[in-house]
Amino acid sequence: MAKDLGVNRLYVVLNKVYPGQIEDIKREMSFMPILGFLPYDPIVVQADLTGQSTLI
């Protein structure tokens, strides 16, 4: 789909990553450049479920 849209570069930002998963994910995703990781945070999950803002 990206190619059809004329997008030539793709990057990955990983979401809800546990600290112990980072090296395994890097190894599995070695075919794509990883820009960064967003950690799993149960407070953010709860805020999402209840419609609350995570910005306090």
Protein backbone atom coordinates (compact mmCIF):
# COMPACT_ATOMS: atom_id res chain seq x y z
CA MET A 1 0.00 0.00 0.00
CA ALA A 2 2.82 2.41 0.85
CA LYS A 3 4.41 1.82 -2.53
CA ASP A 4 1.07 2.50 -4.26
CA LEU A 5 0.93 5.85 -2.43
CA GLY A 6 4.47 6.77 -3.48
CA VAL A 7 5.96 6.30 0.00
CA ASN A 8 9.57 5.23 -0.41
CA ARG A 9 10.72 5.01 3.21
CA LEU A 10 9.02 3.13 6.02
CA TYR A 11 9.92 3.20 9.70
CA VAL A 12 8.58 1.50 12.80
CA VAL A 13 7.50 2.97 16.13
CA LEU A 14 6.61 0.17 18.52
CA ASN A 15 3.81 0.62 21.01
CA LYS A 16 3.08 -1.08 24.37
CA VAL A 17 6.52 -2.68 24.64
CA TYR A 18 7.68 -4.33 27.86
CA PRO A 19 11.36 -3.67 28.73
CA GLY A 20 12.32 -7.34 28.38
CA GLN A 21 10.96 -7.49 24.82
CA ILE A 22 13.11 -4.84 23.18
CA GLU A 23 16.05 -7.01 22.07
CA ASP A 24 13.77 -9.76 20.74
CA ILE A 25 11.70 -7.24 18.82
CA LYS A 26 14.80 -5.61 17.33
CA ARG A 27 15.96 -9.03 16.15
CA GLU A 28 12.55 -9.92 14.66
CA MET A 29 12.09 -6.51 13.02
CA SER A 30 15.63 -6.22 11.65
CA PHE A 31 14.23 -5.77 8.12
CA MET A 32 12.77 -2.34 9.04
CA PRO A 33 14.36 0.66 10.75
CA ILE A 34 12.98 1.20 14.25
CA LEU A 35 12.62 4.84 15.29
CA GLY A 36 11.62 4.15 18.85
CA PHE A 37 9.59 2.33 21.47
CA LEU A 38 6.60 3.42 23.55
CA PRO A 39 6.51 1.44 26.78
CA TYR A 40 3.50 -0.46 28.04
CA ASP A 41 1.91 1.52 30.84
CA PRO A 42 -1.17 0.22 32.68
CA ILE A 43 -2.10 3.79 33.64
CA VAL A 44 -2.38 4.69 29.96
CA VAL A 45 -4.47 1.57 29.28
CA GLN A 46 -6.85 2.45 32.13
CA ALA A 47 -7.12 6.06 30.95
CA ASP A 48 -7.98 4.84 27.45
CA LEU A 49 -10.66 2.49 28.75
CA THR A 50 -12.29 5.20 30.85
CA GLY A 51 -11.93 8.03 28.33
CA GLN A 52 -9.53 9.95 30.57
CA SER A 53 -6.60 12.06 29.41
CA THR A 54 -3.10 10.91 30.22
CA LEU A 55 -1.99 14.54 30.31
CA ILE A 56 -2.28 15.81 33.84
